N, C-alpha and C. Protein backbone atom coordinates (compact mmCIF):
# COMPACT_ATOMS: atom_id res chain seq x y z
N MET A 1 76.80 106.14 120.67
CA MET A 1 78.06 106.65 119.95
C MET A 1 77.03 107.61 118.61
N ASP A 2 78.30 108.18 118.55
CA ASP A 2 77.19 109.56 117.12
C ASP A 2 78.36 109.02 116.08
N ILE A 3 78.18 109.93 115.03
CA ILE A 3 78.24 109.52 113.57
C ILE A 3 79.53 109.28 113.52
N CYS A 4 80.59 110.09 113.98
CA CYS A 4 82.01 110.35 114.22
C CYS A 4 82.43 109.16 114.71
N ASP A 5 81.92 108.94 115.57
CA ASP A 5 82.60 107.38 116.40
C ASP A 5 82.34 106.35 115.23
N GLU A 6 81.08 106.05 115.04
CA GLU A 6 80.92 104.77 114.25
C GLU A 6 81.87 104.75 112.50
N THR A 7 81.82 106.02 111.80
CA THR A 7 82.48 106.10 111.12
C THR A 7 83.86 105.61 110.85
N LEU A 8 84.54 106.37 112.18
CA LEU A 8 85.86 105.61 112.28
C LEU A 8 86.04 104.28 112.54
N ASN A 9 85.51 104.12 113.43
CA ASN A 9 85.01 102.53 113.33
C ASN A 9 84.95 102.00 112.75
N LYS A 10 84.17 102.43 111.95
CA LYS A 10 83.88 101.30 110.53
C LYS A 10 85.80 101.65 109.71
N ILE A 11 86.19 102.08 109.75
CA ILE A 11 87.28 102.66 109.26
C ILE A 11 88.19 101.40 109.90
N GLY A 12 88.55 101.51 110.74
CA GLY A 12 89.25 101.07 111.72
C GLY A 12 88.83 99.30 111.13
N GLU A 13 87.85 99.27 111.21
CA GLU A 13 87.54 97.87 110.69
C GLU A 13 88.05 97.56 109.42
N ASN A 14 87.64 98.20 108.55
CA ASN A 14 88.56 98.02 107.01
C ASN A 14 89.77 97.70 106.99
N ALA A 15 90.20 98.58 107.84
CA ALA A 15 91.72 99.00 107.74
C ALA A 15 92.18 98.00 108.56
N ASP A 16 91.87 97.32 109.29
CA ASP A 16 92.57 95.77 109.57
C ASP A 16 92.20 94.99 108.71
N SER A 17 91.20 95.19 108.09
CA SER A 17 90.71 93.45 107.32
C SER A 17 91.92 93.69 106.11
N ILE A 18 92.33 95.20 105.45
CA ILE A 18 93.18 95.12 104.51
C ILE A 18 94.52 94.92 104.90
N VAL A 19 95.00 95.26 105.98
CA VAL A 19 95.96 95.42 107.21
C VAL A 19 96.72 93.77 106.91
N SER A 20 95.09 92.89 107.78
CA SER A 20 95.65 91.54 107.64
C SER A 20 95.88 90.52 106.87
N ARG A 21 95.45 90.80 105.32
CA ARG A 21 95.50 90.71 104.08
C ARG A 21 97.19 90.62 103.50
N LEU A 22 98.05 91.76 103.64
CA LEU A 22 99.41 91.46 103.72
C LEU A 22 100.31 90.69 104.21
N GLN A 23 101.00 90.89 102.69
CA GLN A 23 101.77 89.85 103.39
C GLN A 23 102.47 90.29 103.90
N PRO A 24 103.15 89.36 104.72
CA PRO A 24 104.68 89.84 106.27
C PRO A 24 105.74 90.82 106.01
N ARG A 25 105.79 91.59 106.16
CA ARG A 25 107.29 92.73 105.67
C ARG A 25 107.27 93.48 106.88
N ASP A 26 108.45 94.14 106.80
CA ASP A 26 109.11 94.68 108.33
C ASP A 26 108.64 96.36 108.71
N GLU A 27 108.04 97.15 107.00
CA GLU A 27 107.50 98.23 106.73
C GLU A 27 106.49 98.68 106.12
N ILE A 28 105.89 99.74 106.76
CA ILE A 28 104.69 100.13 105.66
C ILE A 28 104.88 101.57 105.35
N THR A 29 103.98 102.30 104.42
CA THR A 29 104.19 103.82 104.62
C THR A 29 102.85 104.11 104.45
N LEU A 30 101.93 105.24 105.38
CA LEU A 30 101.10 105.53 104.95
C LEU A 30 101.16 107.22 104.19
N THR A 31 100.19 107.11 103.58
CA THR A 31 99.98 108.25 102.55
C THR A 31 99.25 108.72 102.15
N GLY A 32 98.64 109.82 101.50
CA GLY A 32 97.62 110.22 101.14
C GLY A 32 96.66 111.12 101.71
N ALA A 33 95.85 111.63 101.42
CA ALA A 33 95.37 113.02 102.17
C ALA A 33 94.01 112.34 102.94
N ALA A 34 93.91 112.03 104.01
CA ALA A 34 93.48 111.73 105.23
C ALA A 34 92.97 113.14 106.70
N PRO A 35 91.77 113.13 106.98
CA PRO A 35 91.70 113.48 108.21
C PRO A 35 93.10 112.80 109.09
N ILE A 36 93.31 113.66 110.41
CA ILE A 36 93.97 113.20 111.70
C ILE A 36 93.55 112.46 111.96
N PRO A 37 92.07 111.98 112.18
CA PRO A 37 91.54 111.02 113.32
C PRO A 37 91.96 109.69 112.34
N VAL A 38 91.91 110.11 111.14
CA VAL A 38 91.79 108.25 110.33
C VAL A 38 93.09 107.70 110.73
N TYR A 39 94.20 109.42 110.26
CA TYR A 39 95.46 108.44 110.32
C TYR A 39 95.88 107.50 111.82
N LEU A 40 95.22 108.72 112.68
CA LEU A 40 95.57 107.97 113.78
C LEU A 40 94.47 106.70 114.13
N VAL A 41 93.73 106.01 113.59
CA VAL A 41 92.87 105.10 113.47
C VAL A 41 93.75 104.07 112.88
N VAL A 42 94.59 104.49 111.80
CA VAL A 42 95.14 103.22 110.94
C VAL A 42 96.51 103.24 111.62
N PHE A 43 97.46 104.32 112.10
CA PHE A 43 98.52 104.08 112.43
C PHE A 43 98.19 103.29 113.88
N HIS A 44 97.08 103.03 114.68
CA HIS A 44 97.15 102.19 115.69
C HIS A 44 97.07 100.98 115.08
N ILE A 45 96.44 100.43 114.18
CA ILE A 45 96.29 99.23 113.43
C ILE A 45 98.15 98.57 112.94
N VAL A 46 98.54 99.45 112.21
CA VAL A 46 99.36 99.11 111.80
C VAL A 46 101.35 98.99 112.90
N VAL A 47 100.93 99.96 113.58
CA VAL A 47 101.91 100.15 114.45
C VAL A 47 102.67 98.96 115.48
N HIS A 48 101.78 98.34 115.36
CA HIS A 48 101.92 96.96 116.29
C HIS A 48 102.47 95.56 115.15
N ARG A 49 102.08 95.85 114.08
CA ARG A 49 101.99 94.80 112.91
C ARG A 49 103.33 94.77 112.39
N PHE A 50 104.35 96.28 112.27
CA PHE A 50 105.41 96.24 111.20
C PHE A 50 106.23 96.80 112.69
N LYS A 51 107.54 96.27 112.11
CA LYS A 51 108.83 97.06 113.20
C LYS A 51 108.60 98.41 112.65
N LYS A 52 108.31 98.90 111.33
CA LYS A 52 108.45 100.52 111.13
C LYS A 52 107.38 101.10 110.20
N VAL A 53 106.68 101.98 110.47
CA VAL A 53 106.33 102.95 109.92
C VAL A 53 106.85 104.78 109.73
N TYR A 54 106.18 104.66 108.32
CA TYR A 54 106.56 105.79 107.91
C TYR A 54 105.03 106.48 107.65
N TYR A 55 105.49 107.49 106.93
CA TYR A 55 104.54 108.75 106.70
C TYR A 55 105.09 109.35 105.75
N ASP A 56 104.38 109.45 104.39
CA ASP A 56 104.57 109.74 103.45
C ASP A 56 103.63 111.32 102.40
N ASN A 57 104.06 112.44 102.25
CA ASN A 57 103.40 113.17 101.73
C ASN A 57 104.25 114.07 100.31
N GLU A 58 103.57 115.12 99.51
CA GLU A 58 104.85 115.69 99.33
C GLU A 58 105.98 116.74 99.64
N MET A 59 104.77 116.83 101.25
CA MET A 59 106.20 117.68 101.86
C MET A 59 107.22 116.92 102.66
N TYR A 60 106.83 115.76 103.10
CA TYR A 60 107.78 114.78 104.46
C TYR A 60 107.34 113.12 104.15
N ASN A 61 108.71 112.51 104.09
CA ASN A 61 108.57 111.26 104.68
C ASN A 61 109.49 111.01 105.66
N LEU A 62 108.54 110.85 106.70
CA LEU A 62 108.87 110.41 107.71
C LEU A 62 109.02 109.46 109.00
N LEU A 63 110.07 108.42 109.01
CA LEU A 63 110.16 107.70 109.95
C LEU A 63 108.65 107.80 111.44
N ILE A 64 107.82 107.30 111.23
CA ILE A 64 107.16 107.96 112.77
C ILE A 64 107.01 106.74 113.70
N ALA A 65 107.18 105.66 113.51
CA ALA A 65 107.28 104.51 114.10
C ALA A 65 108.27 103.14 113.61
N ARG A 66 108.96 103.37 115.12
CA ARG A 66 110.05 102.05 114.77
C ARG A 66 110.57 100.83 116.08
N HIS A 67 110.35 99.74 116.35
CA HIS A 67 110.34 98.95 116.87
C HIS A 67 110.93 97.40 116.82
């Protein structure tokens, strides 16, 4: 495992810990500046826990998952 894998795994563990403490709700919005691999890790965590996932930045406010 290289440093990038270790870093992304740690980000995933931290994101999972944070998301698991959130009050249940139907949707979540991902926002802020982050490299794409970080968003993919976090998206993988939230997509199974929320009915709608949005991405919001200064250019877009997108619904990126709905189920």
